[in-house]
Amino acid sequence: MKKAKLLWLDLEMTGLDPEKDRILEVAAIATDMSLSQIATYEAVVKVDASLMKERMVGEFWENNFASRDALQAQNQDGKPIKEVEKELLKFLDDHFGKEIYLAGNSIHQDRKFIEREMPELNKRLHYRMLDVSAWKIYFENAKHKKFTKPENHRALDDINGSIEELKWYLTFLK
């Protein structure tokens, strides 16, 4: 079986503060270094409804009300974060070898939540990460080229968009 090297991960959270906000939705795609998909994982994390109501406010959530409403609606079917972490660890065991590189857009922010809420998963991840947003900064500022992807703010859709974005940047290297 082909082993994955990149763990494309996206989290939807109640907000961006890892001290106050919580993970709501997790998606992962395992790929090889050619960006070929090997496996996927998705889960809804159950979060206290009062925390969601308190934290999912402001301009971002007003502008993305459809995503907010969908995340809130699915919350009742969520699993505890420790169960999701356990499933992700099994996903790693099934599809990865020794080195697991976290990949995604602005993945450093997701990593902060992983460190806090899923410490066992964090221990399994390599310290190096593939952050597509670094490519975005370079191409938009140095090459004046912009990749436009849908901003659904749903975990699996966001990962697929990030993989397509990196593939697009890589076409300029040929």
N, C-alpha and C. Protein backbone atom coordinates (compact mmCIF):
# COMPACT_ATOMS: atom_id res chain seq x y z
N MET A 1 0.84 -1.19 0.00
CA MET A 1 0.00 0.00 0.00
C MET A 1 0.88 1.24 0.00
N LYS A 2 0.48 2.20 -0.81
CA LYS A 2 1.20 3.47 -0.89
C LYS A 2 0.98 4.27 0.39
N LYS A 3 2.04 4.77 0.97
CA LYS A 3 1.94 5.56 2.20
C LYS A 3 1.90 7.05 1.87
N ALA A 4 1.05 7.74 2.59
CA ALA A 4 0.91 9.19 2.43
C ALA A 4 2.07 9.90 3.13
N LYS A 5 2.34 11.11 2.68
CA LYS A 5 3.34 11.97 3.32
C LYS A 5 2.72 13.27 3.85
N LEU A 6 1.67 13.73 3.16
CA LEU A 6 1.05 15.01 3.53
C LEU A 6 -0.31 14.76 4.17
N LEU A 7 -0.50 15.32 5.35
CA LEU A 7 -1.79 15.30 6.01
C LEU A 7 -2.42 16.67 5.81
N TRP A 8 -3.26 16.77 4.78
CA TRP A 8 -4.00 18.00 4.53
C TRP A 8 -5.10 18.06 5.56
N LEU A 9 -5.09 19.08 6.35
CA LEU A 9 -6.05 19.17 7.44
C LEU A 9 -6.67 20.56 7.46
N ASP A 10 -7.96 20.58 7.74
CA ASP A 10 -8.63 21.86 7.93
C ASP A 10 -9.58 21.72 9.09
N LEU A 11 -9.60 22.74 9.91
CA LEU A 11 -10.49 22.80 11.06
C LEU A 11 -11.42 23.99 10.89
N GLU A 12 -12.67 23.78 11.23
CA GLU A 12 -13.57 24.91 11.38
C GLU A 12 -13.73 25.09 12.89
N MET A 13 -13.57 26.31 13.34
CA MET A 13 -13.61 26.61 14.76
C MET A 13 -14.64 27.69 15.05
N THR A 14 -14.95 27.86 16.32
CA THR A 14 -15.88 28.92 16.70
C THR A 14 -15.28 30.30 16.48
N GLY A 15 -13.96 30.38 16.38
CA GLY A 15 -13.23 31.62 16.17
C GLY A 15 -11.76 31.29 16.05
N LEU A 16 -10.90 32.28 16.13
CA LEU A 16 -9.47 32.07 15.91
C LEU A 16 -8.61 32.08 17.17
N ASP A 17 -9.20 32.21 18.33
CA ASP A 17 -8.45 32.25 19.58
C ASP A 17 -8.40 30.85 20.19
N PRO A 18 -7.23 30.18 20.14
CA PRO A 18 -7.15 28.81 20.66
C PRO A 18 -7.41 28.70 22.16
N GLU A 19 -7.33 29.81 22.87
CA GLU A 19 -7.61 29.79 24.31
C GLU A 19 -9.11 29.80 24.59
N LYS A 20 -9.88 30.49 23.74
CA LYS A 20 -11.31 30.68 23.99
C LYS A 20 -12.20 29.89 23.04
N ASP A 21 -11.71 29.66 21.82
CA ASP A 21 -12.54 29.01 20.80
C ASP A 21 -12.28 27.51 20.77
N ARG A 22 -13.15 26.78 20.08
CA ARG A 22 -13.06 25.33 20.02
C ARG A 22 -13.25 24.84 18.59
N ILE A 23 -12.69 23.68 18.33
CA ILE A 23 -12.83 23.02 17.04
C ILE A 23 -14.27 22.51 16.91
N LEU A 24 -14.87 22.78 15.74
CA LEU A 24 -16.23 22.34 15.45
C LEU A 24 -16.28 21.21 14.42
N GLU A 25 -15.35 21.26 13.48
CA GLU A 25 -15.37 20.33 12.35
C GLU A 25 -13.94 20.04 11.95
N VAL A 26 -13.66 18.78 11.61
CA VAL A 26 -12.32 18.35 11.21
C VAL A 26 -12.44 17.59 9.90
N ALA A 27 -11.56 17.90 8.98
CA ALA A 27 -11.45 17.10 7.76
C ALA A 27 -9.98 16.90 7.47
N ALA A 28 -9.67 15.76 6.89
CA ALA A 28 -8.29 15.45 6.53
C ALA A 28 -8.28 14.68 5.21
N ILE A 29 -7.28 14.96 4.41
CA ILE A 29 -7.02 14.20 3.20
C ILE A 29 -5.56 13.80 3.25
N ALA A 30 -5.30 12.52 3.08
CA ALA A 30 -3.94 12.00 3.02
C ALA A 30 -3.52 11.96 1.55
N THR A 31 -2.37 12.58 1.24
CA THR A 31 -1.85 12.52 -0.13
C THR A 31 -0.39 12.12 -0.10
N ASP A 32 0.08 11.70 -1.26
CA ASP A 32 1.52 11.51 -1.43
C ASP A 32 2.11 12.86 -1.85
N MET A 33 3.39 12.89 -2.13
CA MET A 33 4.02 14.16 -2.48
C MET A 33 3.64 14.63 -3.88
N SER A 34 3.00 13.78 -4.67
CA SER A 34 2.47 14.19 -5.98
C SER A 34 1.07 14.76 -5.85
N LEU A 35 0.59 14.84 -4.62
CA LEU A 35 -0.73 15.37 -4.28
C LEU A 35 -1.86 14.45 -4.72
N SER A 36 -1.55 13.17 -4.90
CA SER A 36 -2.56 12.18 -5.21
C SER A 36 -3.24 11.76 -3.92
N GLN A 37 -4.56 11.79 -3.94
CA GLN A 37 -5.34 11.46 -2.75
C GLN A 37 -5.29 9.97 -2.45
N ILE A 38 -5.06 9.65 -1.18
CA ILE A 38 -5.00 8.27 -0.72
C ILE A 38 -6.21 7.94 0.15
N ALA A 39 -6.62 8.87 1.01
CA ALA A 39 -7.75 8.62 1.91
C ALA A 39 -8.27 9.94 2.44
N THR A 40 -9.53 9.91 2.94
CA THR A 40 -10.13 11.10 3.55
C THR A 40 -10.74 10.75 4.91
N TYR A 41 -10.90 11.78 5.70
CA TYR A 41 -11.51 11.65 7.02
C TYR A 41 -12.31 12.93 7.29
N GLU A 42 -13.48 12.77 7.91
CA GLU A 42 -14.29 13.92 8.34
C GLU A 42 -14.94 13.60 9.67
N ALA A 43 -15.10 14.63 10.49
CA ALA A 43 -15.80 14.47 11.77
C ALA A 43 -16.35 15.81 12.24
N VAL A 44 -17.44 15.70 12.96
CA VAL A 44 -18.04 16.85 13.63
C VAL A 44 -17.70 16.71 15.11
N VAL A 45 -17.22 17.79 15.70
CA VAL A 45 -16.89 17.81 17.12
C VAL A 45 -18.03 18.48 17.87
N LYS A 46 -18.51 17.83 18.91
CA LYS A 46 -19.59 18.39 19.72
C LYS A 46 -19.00 19.46 20.64
N VAL A 47 -19.60 20.64 20.57
CA VAL A 47 -19.17 21.78 21.36
C VAL A 47 -20.39 22.31 22.11
N ASP A 48 -20.16 22.80 23.30
CA ASP A 48 -21.25 23.36 24.10
C ASP A 48 -21.96 24.45 23.30
N ALA A 49 -23.28 24.32 23.18
CA ALA A 49 -24.07 25.25 22.37
C ALA A 49 -23.95 26.69 22.86
N SER A 50 -23.82 26.88 24.17
CA SER A 50 -23.70 28.25 24.68
C SER A 50 -22.36 28.87 24.27
N LEU A 51 -21.31 28.07 24.19
CA LEU A 51 -20.01 28.58 23.72
C LEU A 51 -20.12 28.97 22.25
N MET A 52 -20.78 28.15 21.46
CA MET A 52 -20.95 28.48 20.04
C MET A 52 -21.70 29.80 19.89
N LYS A 53 -22.76 29.96 20.64
CA LYS A 53 -23.56 31.19 20.55
C LYS A 53 -22.74 32.41 20.97
N GLU A 54 -21.94 32.23 22.00
CA GLU A 54 -21.11 33.33 22.52
C GLU A 54 -19.99 33.70 21.56
N ARG A 55 -19.33 32.70 20.95
CA ARG A 55 -18.13 32.95 20.17
C ARG A 55 -18.38 33.17 18.68
N MET A 56 -19.47 32.65 18.15
CA MET A 56 -19.70 32.74 16.70
C MET A 56 -20.51 33.99 16.37
N VAL A 57 -19.90 35.14 16.69
CA VAL A 57 -20.52 36.44 16.46
C VAL A 57 -19.52 37.35 15.74
N GLY A 58 -20.00 38.46 15.28
CA GLY A 58 -19.12 39.43 14.65
C GLY A 58 -19.21 39.40 13.14
N GLU A 59 -18.43 40.24 12.51
CA GLU A 59 -18.50 40.46 11.06
C GLU A 59 -18.25 39.18 10.26
N PHE A 60 -17.22 38.41 10.63
CA PHE A 60 -16.94 37.18 9.88
C PHE A 60 -18.15 36.27 9.84
N TRP A 61 -18.74 36.01 11.00
CA TRP A 61 -19.87 35.08 11.06
C TRP A 61 -21.12 35.69 10.43
N GLU A 62 -21.26 37.01 10.49
CA GLU A 62 -22.40 37.66 9.81
C GLU A 62 -22.27 37.50 8.30
N ASN A 63 -21.04 37.63 7.80
CA ASN A 63 -20.80 37.50 6.35
C ASN A 63 -20.85 36.04 5.89
N ASN A 64 -20.67 35.10 6.81
CA ASN A 64 -20.66 33.68 6.48
C ASN A 64 -21.74 32.94 7.26
N PHE A 65 -22.91 33.53 7.28
CA PHE A 65 -24.00 33.00 8.10
C PHE A 65 -24.43 31.60 7.67
N ALA A 66 -24.34 31.27 6.37
CA ALA A 66 -24.75 29.93 5.92
C ALA A 66 -23.83 28.87 6.52
N SER A 67 -22.53 29.13 6.53
CA SER A 67 -21.57 28.20 7.16
C SER A 67 -21.82 28.11 8.66
N ARG A 68 -22.02 29.27 9.29
CA ARG A 68 -22.29 29.29 10.73
C ARG A 68 -23.52 28.46 11.07
N ASP A 69 -24.59 28.67 10.33
CA ASP A 69 -25.83 27.95 10.61
C ASP A 69 -25.67 26.45 10.39
N ALA A 70 -24.94 26.06 9.35
CA ALA A 70 -24.71 24.63 9.09
C ALA A 70 -23.85 24.00 10.18
N LEU A 71 -22.83 24.72 10.61
CA LEU A 71 -21.97 24.20 11.69
C LEU A 71 -22.75 24.06 12.99
N GLN A 72 -23.58 25.02 13.28
CA GLN A 72 -24.39 24.94 14.50
C GLN A 72 -25.42 23.81 14.41
N ALA A 73 -26.02 23.63 13.24
CA ALA A 73 -27.05 22.60 13.07
C ALA A 73 -26.48 21.19 13.22
N GLN A 74 -25.25 20.97 12.76
CA GLN A 74 -24.68 19.63 12.84
C GLN A 74 -24.07 19.33 14.20
N ASN A 75 -23.95 20.32 15.06
CA ASN A 75 -23.28 20.15 16.35
C ASN A 75 -23.89 19.04 17.19
N GLN A 76 -25.19 18.90 17.17
CA GLN A 76 -25.85 17.89 18.01
C GLN A 76 -25.42 16.48 17.64
N ASP A 77 -24.94 16.28 16.42
CA ASP A 77 -24.49 14.96 15.98
C ASP A 77 -22.99 14.76 16.16
N GLY A 78 -22.33 15.71 16.82
CA GLY A 78 -20.89 15.66 16.97
C GLY A 78 -20.41 14.65 17.99
N LYS A 79 -19.09 14.42 17.95
CA LYS A 79 -18.41 13.49 18.87
C LYS A 79 -17.51 14.30 19.79
N PRO A 80 -17.16 13.75 20.93
CA PRO A 80 -16.18 14.42 21.80
C PRO A 80 -14.83 14.53 21.08
N ILE A 81 -14.11 15.61 21.37
CA ILE A 81 -12.83 15.86 20.71
C ILE A 81 -11.84 14.71 20.91
N LYS A 82 -11.84 14.07 22.06
CA LYS A 82 -10.92 12.95 22.30
C LYS A 82 -11.23 11.76 21.40
N GLU A 83 -12.50 11.55 21.10
CA GLU A 83 -12.89 10.47 20.17
C GLU A 83 -12.42 10.80 18.76
N VAL A 84 -12.57 12.06 18.35
CA VAL A 84 -12.11 12.49 17.04
C VAL A 84 -10.59 12.35 16.95
N GLU A 85 -9.89 12.74 18.00
CA GLU A 85 -8.43 12.59 18.01
C GLU A 85 -8.05 11.12 17.86
N LYS A 86 -8.72 10.24 18.57
CA LYS A 86 -8.44 8.81 18.48
C LYS A 86 -8.65 8.29 17.05
N GLU A 87 -9.72 8.74 16.42
CA GLU A 87 -9.98 8.34 15.02
C GLU A 87 -8.91 8.88 14.08
N LEU A 88 -8.46 10.10 14.32
CA LEU A 88 -7.39 10.66 13.49
C LEU A 88 -6.09 9.90 13.67
N LEU A 89 -5.79 9.49 14.88
CA LEU A 89 -4.57 8.70 15.12
C LEU A 89 -4.65 7.37 14.38
N LYS A 90 -5.81 6.76 14.34
CA LYS A 90 -6.01 5.53 13.57
C LYS A 90 -5.85 5.80 12.08
N PHE A 91 -6.36 6.93 11.61
CA PHE A 91 -6.21 7.35 10.22
C PHE A 91 -4.72 7.46 9.87
N LEU A 92 -3.93 8.03 10.76
CA LEU A 92 -2.49 8.14 10.55
C LEU A 92 -1.85 6.75 10.49
N ASP A 93 -2.22 5.88 11.43
CA ASP A 93 -1.67 4.52 11.46
C ASP A 93 -1.98 3.78 10.16
N ASP A 94 -3.17 3.99 9.63
CA ASP A 94 -3.60 3.26 8.44
C ASP A 94 -2.96 3.77 7.15
N HIS A 95 -2.58 5.05 7.10
CA HIS A 95 -2.21 5.63 5.81
C HIS A 95 -0.84 6.29 5.74
N PHE A 96 -0.16 6.41 6.86
CA PHE A 96 1.11 7.13 6.87
C PHE A 96 2.23 6.25 7.37
N GLY A 97 3.43 6.62 6.95
CA GLY A 97 4.64 6.03 7.50
C GLY A 97 5.11 6.88 8.66
N LYS A 98 6.41 6.97 8.78
CA LYS A 98 6.99 7.67 9.93
C LYS A 98 6.80 9.18 9.88
N GLU A 99 7.09 9.81 8.74
CA GLU A 99 7.01 11.27 8.65
C GLU A 99 5.63 11.70 8.18
N ILE A 100 5.04 12.60 8.95
CA ILE A 100 3.72 13.13 8.61
C ILE A 100 3.83 14.65 8.62
N TYR A 101 3.72 15.23 7.43
CA TYR A 101 3.79 16.68 7.29
C TYR A 101 2.38 17.25 7.21
N LEU A 102 2.08 18.18 8.07
CA LEU A 102 0.80 18.87 8.06
C LEU A 102 0.79 19.85 6.89
N ALA A 103 -0.32 19.87 6.14
CA ALA A 103 -0.42 20.74 4.97
C ALA A 103 -1.78 21.43 4.96
N GLY A 104 -1.81 22.64 4.38
CA GLY A 104 -3.06 23.37 4.24
C GLY A 104 -2.80 24.86 4.11
N ASN A 105 -3.86 25.63 4.10
CA ASN A 105 -3.77 27.08 4.04
C ASN A 105 -3.76 27.64 5.45
N SER A 106 -2.78 28.48 5.75
CA SER A 106 -2.62 29.07 7.10
C SER A 106 -2.67 27.97 8.16
N ILE A 107 -1.99 26.88 7.87
CA ILE A 107 -2.04 25.68 8.72
C ILE A 107 -1.45 25.93 10.10
N HIS A 108 -0.61 26.95 10.22
CA HIS A 108 -0.06 27.28 11.54
C HIS A 108 -1.17 27.60 12.55
N GLN A 109 -2.26 28.21 12.07
CA GLN A 109 -3.37 28.55 12.97
C GLN A 109 -4.08 27.28 13.42
N ASP A 110 -4.31 26.35 12.49
CA ASP A 110 -4.94 25.08 12.86
C ASP A 110 -4.04 24.31 13.82
N ARG A 111 -2.74 24.41 13.62
CA ARG A 111 -1.79 23.69 14.48
C ARG A 111 -1.92 24.16 15.94
N LYS A 112 -2.20 25.43 16.15
CA LYS A 112 -2.39 25.94 17.52
C LYS A 112 -3.55 25.22 18.21
N PHE A 113 -4.63 24.99 17.46
CA PHE A 113 -5.78 24.29 18.01
C PHE A 113 -5.47 22.81 18.22
N ILE A 114 -4.71 22.23 17.31
CA ILE A 114 -4.30 20.83 17.46
C ILE A 114 -3.46 20.67 18.72
N GLU A 115 -2.51 21.57 18.92
CA GLU A 115 -1.65 21.51 20.11
C GLU A 115 -2.49 21.53 21.39
N ARG A 116 -3.51 22.36 21.40
CA ARG A 116 -4.32 22.52 22.61
C ARG A 116 -5.35 21.41 22.80
N GLU A 117 -6.06 21.05 21.72
CA GLU A 117 -7.18 20.13 21.86
C GLU A 117 -6.87 18.68 21.50
N MET A 118 -5.80 18.45 20.72
CA MET A 118 -5.45 17.09 20.32
C MET A 118 -3.94 16.86 20.46
N PRO A 119 -3.45 16.86 21.70
CA PRO A 119 -2.01 16.79 21.93
C PRO A 119 -1.35 15.50 21.42
N GLU A 120 -2.06 14.39 21.44
CA GLU A 120 -1.47 13.13 20.94
C GLU A 120 -1.29 13.19 19.43
N LEU A 121 -2.23 13.78 18.74
CA LEU A 121 -2.09 13.99 17.30
C LEU A 121 -0.90 14.91 17.04
N ASN A 122 -0.80 15.98 17.78
CA ASN A 122 0.29 16.92 17.61
C ASN A 122 1.66 16.25 17.72
N LYS A 123 1.78 15.32 18.65
CA LYS A 123 3.05 14.61 18.84
C LYS A 123 3.46 13.80 17.62
N ARG A 124 2.49 13.37 16.83
CA ARG A 124 2.77 12.53 15.67
C ARG A 124 3.18 13.34 14.44
N LEU A 125 2.93 14.64 14.47
CA LEU A 125 3.18 15.47 13.30
C LEU A 125 4.61 16.00 13.29
N HIS A 126 5.20 16.03 12.11
CA HIS A 126 6.53 16.59 11.92
C HIS A 126 6.48 18.08 12.24
N TYR A 127 7.60 18.63 12.67
CA TYR A 127 7.62 20.06 12.99
C TYR A 127 7.54 20.92 11.74
N ARG A 128 7.91 20.38 10.58
CA ARG A 128 7.80 21.13 9.33
C ARG A 128 6.39 20.98 8.77
N MET A 129 5.92 22.06 8.16
CA MET A 129 4.57 22.07 7.60
C MET A 129 4.61 22.66 6.19
N LEU A 130 3.66 22.25 5.36
CA LEU A 130 3.53 22.80 4.03
C LEU A 130 2.35 23.76 4.05
N ASP A 131 2.65 25.05 4.08
CA ASP A 131 1.61 26.07 4.20
C ASP A 131 1.40 26.74 2.84
N VAL A 132 0.26 26.47 2.23
CA VAL A 132 -0.06 27.00 0.91
C VAL A 132 -0.13 28.52 0.93
N SER A 133 -0.45 29.11 2.06
CA SER A 133 -0.56 30.56 2.14
C SER A 133 0.79 31.24 1.88
N ALA A 134 1.91 30.56 2.12
CA ALA A 134 3.22 31.12 1.80
C ALA A 134 3.36 31.28 0.28
N TRP A 135 2.88 30.28 -0.46
CA TRP A 135 2.88 30.37 -1.93
C TRP A 135 1.98 31.52 -2.38
N LYS A 136 0.83 31.65 -1.73
CA LYS A 136 -0.13 32.70 -2.07
C LYS A 136 0.53 34.08 -1.93
N ILE A 137 1.22 34.30 -0.83
CA ILE A 137 1.88 35.59 -0.59
C ILE A 137 2.89 35.88 -1.69
N TYR A 138 3.70 34.88 -2.03
CA TYR A 138 4.72 35.09 -3.06
C TYR A 138 4.09 35.37 -4.42
N PHE A 139 3.17 34.53 -4.85
CA PHE A 139 2.60 34.68 -6.19
C PHE A 139 1.79 35.97 -6.33
N GLU A 140 1.04 36.34 -5.31
CA GLU A 140 0.25 37.56 -5.42
C GLU A 140 1.12 38.81 -5.42
N ASN A 141 2.19 38.81 -4.65
CA ASN A 141 3.02 40.00 -4.52
C ASN A 141 4.17 40.08 -5.50
N ALA A 142 4.83 38.97 -5.79
CA ALA A 142 5.98 39.00 -6.68
C ALA A 142 5.60 38.74 -8.14
N LYS A 143 4.62 37.89 -8.36
CA LYS A 143 4.25 37.51 -9.73
C LYS A 143 2.92 38.11 -10.19
N HIS A 144 2.21 38.74 -9.27
CA HIS A 144 0.90 39.34 -9.57
C HIS A 144 -0.07 38.33 -10.18
N LYS A 145 -0.04 37.13 -9.62
CA LYS A 145 -0.93 36.04 -10.04
C LYS A 145 -1.75 35.63 -8.83
N LYS A 146 -3.03 35.47 -9.06
CA LYS A 146 -3.92 35.18 -7.94
C LYS A 146 -4.78 33.97 -8.26
N PHE A 147 -4.80 33.03 -7.32
CA PHE A 147 -5.68 31.87 -7.42
C PHE A 147 -6.93 32.20 -6.62
N THR A 148 -8.07 32.00 -7.22
CA THR A 148 -9.32 32.27 -6.52
C THR A 148 -10.03 30.95 -6.28
N LYS A 149 -10.27 30.67 -5.02
CA LYS A 149 -10.99 29.45 -4.67
C LYS A 149 -12.24 29.83 -3.90
N PRO A 150 -13.23 28.95 -3.95
CA PRO A 150 -14.43 29.23 -3.17
C PRO A 150 -14.12 29.25 -1.69
N GLU A 151 -14.75 30.11 -0.97
CA GLU A 151 -14.56 30.23 0.48
C GLU A 151 -15.83 29.71 1.17
N ASN A 152 -15.98 28.39 1.19
CA ASN A 152 -17.16 27.78 1.78
C ASN A 152 -17.11 27.73 3.30
N HIS A 153 -15.89 27.77 3.84
CA HIS A 153 -15.68 27.65 5.28
C HIS A 153 -16.29 26.37 5.81
N ARG A 154 -16.08 25.30 5.05
CA ARG A 154 -16.39 23.95 5.47
C ARG A 154 -15.10 23.16 5.25
N ALA A 155 -14.75 22.34 6.20
CA ALA A 155 -13.42 21.74 6.28
C ALA A 155 -13.01 20.98 5.01
N LEU A 156 -13.80 20.02 4.56
CA LEU A 156 -13.38 19.20 3.42
C LEU A 156 -13.30 20.04 2.14
N ASP A 157 -14.25 20.92 1.92
CA ASP A 157 -14.21 21.80 0.75
C ASP A 157 -12.96 22.68 0.77
N ASP A 158 -12.61 23.19 1.94
CA ASP A 158 -11.43 24.05 2.06
C ASP A 158 -10.15 23.29 1.75
N ILE A 159 -10.07 22.04 2.18
CA ILE A 159 -8.86 21.25 1.87
C ILE A 159 -8.75 21.01 0.37
N ASN A 160 -9.83 20.60 -0.25
CA ASN A 160 -9.79 20.37 -1.70
C ASN A 160 -9.37 21.63 -2.43
N GLY A 161 -9.85 22.78 -1.98
CA GLY A 161 -9.46 24.04 -2.57
C GLY A 161 -7.97 24.33 -2.38
N SER A 162 -7.44 24.00 -1.22
CA SER A 162 -6.01 24.21 -0.95
C SER A 162 -5.14 23.32 -1.82
N ILE A 163 -5.54 22.08 -2.00
CA ILE A 163 -4.77 21.17 -2.86
C ILE A 163 -4.78 21.68 -4.30
N GLU A 164 -5.95 22.10 -4.78
CA GLU A 164 -6.04 22.65 -6.14
C GLU A 164 -5.20 23.91 -6.27
N GLU A 165 -5.19 24.74 -5.23
CA GLU A 165 -4.40 25.96 -5.25
C GLU A 165 -2.91 25.63 -5.36
N LEU A 166 -2.43 24.69 -4.58
CA LEU A 166 -1.01 24.33 -4.67
C LEU A 166 -0.68 23.74 -6.04
N LYS A 167 -1.55 22.91 -6.57
CA LYS A 167 -1.33 22.36 -7.92
C LYS A 167 -1.20 23.49 -8.93
N TRP A 168 -2.02 24.52 -8.79
CA TRP A 168 -1.97 25.65 -9.70
C TRP A 168 -0.63 26.37 -9.60
N TYR A 169 -0.16 26.62 -8.37
CA TYR A 169 1.14 27.27 -8.20
C TYR A 169 2.26 26.43 -8.82
N LEU A 170 2.16 25.12 -8.64
CA LEU A 170 3.21 24.24 -9.16
C LEU A 170 3.31 24.24 -10.67
N THR A 171 2.23 24.61 -11.37
CA THR A 171 2.29 24.66 -12.84
C THR A 171 3.29 25.71 -13.31
N PHE A 172 3.58 26.70 -12.48
CA PHE A 172 4.52 27.74 -12.85
C PHE A 172 5.97 27.29 -12.70
N LEU A 173 6.19 26.14 -12.11
CA LEU A 173 7.55 25.63 -11.91
C LEU A 173 8.02 24.74 -13.06
N LYS A 174 7.13 24.44 -13.99
CA LYS A 174 7.47 23.54 -15.10
C LYS A 174 8.13 24.26 -16.22
